[in-house]
C-alpha atoms as a PDB file:
ATOM      1  CA  UNK A   1      13.534 131.073 179.963  1.00  0.00           C
ATOM      2  CA  UNK A   2      17.058 131.263 181.434  1.00  0.00           C
ATOM      3  CA  UNK A   3      17.548 129.307 184.739  1.00  0.00           C
ATOM      4  CA  UNK A   4      20.684 129.195 186.762  1.00  0.00           C
ATOM      5  CA  UNK A   5      22.433 125.802 186.363  1.00  0.00           C
ATOM      6  CA  UNK A   6      24.140 125.697 189.719  1.00  0.00           C
ATOM      7  CA  UNK A   7      23.062 122.716 191.875  1.00  0.00           C
ATOM      8  CA  UNK A   8      20.366 123.838 194.416  1.00  0.00           C
ATOM      9  CA  UNK A   9      19.811 127.268 192.986  1.00  0.00           C
ATOM     10  CA  UNK A  10      16.319 128.121 191.866  1.00  0.00           C
ATOM     11  CA  UNK A  11      17.070 131.488 190.195  1.00  0.00           C
ATOM     12  CA  UNK A  12      15.150 132.225 186.948  1.00  0.00           C
ATOM     13  CA  UNK A  13      15.504 135.311 184.738  1.00  0.00           C
ATOM     14  CA  UNK A  14      12.472 137.628 184.512  1.00  0.00           C
ATOM     15  CA  UNK A  15      13.245 140.031 181.639  1.00  0.00           C
ATOM     16  CA  UNK A  16      11.553 141.650 178.593  1.00  0.00           C
ATOM     17  CA  UNK A  17      14.152 140.292 176.219  1.00  0.00           C
ATOM     18  CA  UNK A  18      16.557 137.440 175.836  1.00  0.00           C
ATOM     19  CA  UNK A  19      19.433 139.825 175.903  1.00  0.00           C
ATOM     20  CA  UNK A  20      18.270 141.387 179.096  1.00  0.00           C
ATOM     21  CA  UNK A  21      17.747 137.937 180.616  1.00  0.00           C
ATOM     22  CA  UNK A  22      21.361 137.027 179.811  1.00  0.00           C
ATOM     23  CA  UNK A  23      22.541 140.246 181.552  1.00  0.00           C
ATOM     24  CA  UNK A  24      20.516 139.371 184.630  1.00  0.00           C
ATOM     25  CA  UNK A  25      21.967 135.866 184.520  1.00  0.00           C
ATOM     26  CA  UNK A  26      25.506 137.264 184.365  1.00  0.00           C
ATOM     27  CA  UNK A  27      24.764 139.618 187.221  1.00  0.00           C
ATOM     28  CA  UNK A  28      23.279 136.721 189.234  1.00  0.00           C
ATOM     29  CA  UNK A  29      26.334 134.463 188.754  1.00  0.00           C
ATOM     30  CA  UNK A  30      28.782 137.086 189.743  1.00  0.00           C
ATOM     31  CA  UNK A  31      26.752 138.093 192.754  1.00  0.00           C
ATOM     32  CA  UNK A  32      25.825 134.619 194.073  1.00  0.00           C
ATOM     33  CA  UNK A  33      28.237 132.012 192.701  1.00  0.00           C
ATOM     34  CA  UNK A  34      31.628 133.707 192.202  1.00  0.00           C
ATOM     35  CA  UNK A  35      34.177 134.367 194.928  1.00  0.00           C
ATOM     36  CA  UNK A  36      37.312 136.515 194.371  1.00  0.00           C
ATOM     37  CA  UNK A  37      40.245 135.504 196.539  1.00  0.00           C
ATOM     38  CA  UNK A  38      43.878 136.699 196.829  1.00  0.00           C
ATOM     39  CA  UNK A  39      46.062 134.115 195.307  1.00  0.00           C
ATOM     40  CA  UNK A  40      49.815 133.854 195.795  1.00  0.00           C
ATOM     41  CA  UNK A  41      50.249 131.120 193.000  1.00  0.00           C
ATOM     42  CA  UNK A  42      50.426 131.988 189.402  1.00  0.00           C
ATOM     43  CA  UNK A  43      47.381 130.778 187.541  1.00  0.00           C
ATOM     44  CA  UNK A  44      48.317 130.087 183.857  1.00  0.00           C
ATOM     45  CA  UNK A  45      46.437 131.943 181.070  1.00  0.00           C
ATOM     46  CA  UNK A  46      43.319 130.052 180.048  1.00  0.00           C
ATOM     47  CA  UNK A  47      42.985 128.479 183.465  1.00  0.00           C
ATOM     48  CA  UNK A  48      40.706 129.031 186.391  1.00  0.00           C
ATOM     49  CA  UNK A  49      40.654 127.646 190.001  1.00  0.00           C
ATOM     50  CA  UNK A  50      37.660 125.673 191.245  1.00  0.00           C
ATOM     51  CA  UNK A  51      36.989 124.876 194.917  1.00  0.00           C
ATOM     52  CA  UNK A  52      36.626 121.144 195.401  1.00  0.00           C
ATOM     53  CA  UNK A  53      34.057 119.390 197.709  1.00  0.00           C
ATOM     54  CA  UNK A  54      36.890 119.051 200.318  1.00  0.00           C
ATOM     55  CA  UNK A  55      37.555 122.931 200.183  1.00  0.00           C
ATOM     56  CA  UNK A  56      40.726 122.749 198.305  1.00  0.00           C
ATOM     57  CA  UNK A  57      41.402 125.004 195.209  1.00  0.00           C
ATOM     58  CA  UNK A  58      42.306 123.072 192.005  1.00  0.00           C
ATOM     59  CA  UNK A  59      43.725 124.786 188.828  1.00  0.00           C
ATOM     60  CA  UNK A  60      42.258 123.589 185.523  1.00  0.00           C
ATOM     61  CA  UNK A  61      41.272 124.830 182.109  1.00  0.00           C
ATOM     62  CA  UNK A  62      37.839 126.333 181.639  1.00  0.00           C
ATOM     63  CA  UNK A  63      36.659 123.272 179.729  1.00  0.00           C
ATOM     64  CA  UNK A  64      37.825 121.008 182.535  1.00  0.00           C
ATOM     65  CA  UNK A  65      36.081 123.287 185.148  1.00  0.00           C
ATOM     66  CA  UNK A  66      32.775 123.011 183.230  1.00  0.00           C
ATOM     67  CA  UNK A  67      33.002 119.319 183.140  1.00  0.00           C
ATOM     68  CA  UNK A  68      34.015 119.280 186.888  1.00  0.00           C
ATOM     69  CA  UNK A  69      31.063 121.341 187.829  1.00  0.00           C
ATOM     70  CA  UNK A  70      28.632 119.482 185.709  1.00  0.00           C
ATOM     71  CA  UNK A  71      29.416 116.241 187.505  1.00  0.00           C
END
């Protein structure tokens, strides 16, 4: 069973196969937990921006972002 790992989200995949469940999960993440914004600053390749608890955007590597979000 694939569940959303975002804090406070109770989404669970209901699908006939694991592959289908992962596609549902991807769609869920994009629809519910991703925000596209216009950015004037350059973001280096391999980096992402994450909104911190105080509402500011912080640039970090994908690995740092995962660790940040897990905490």
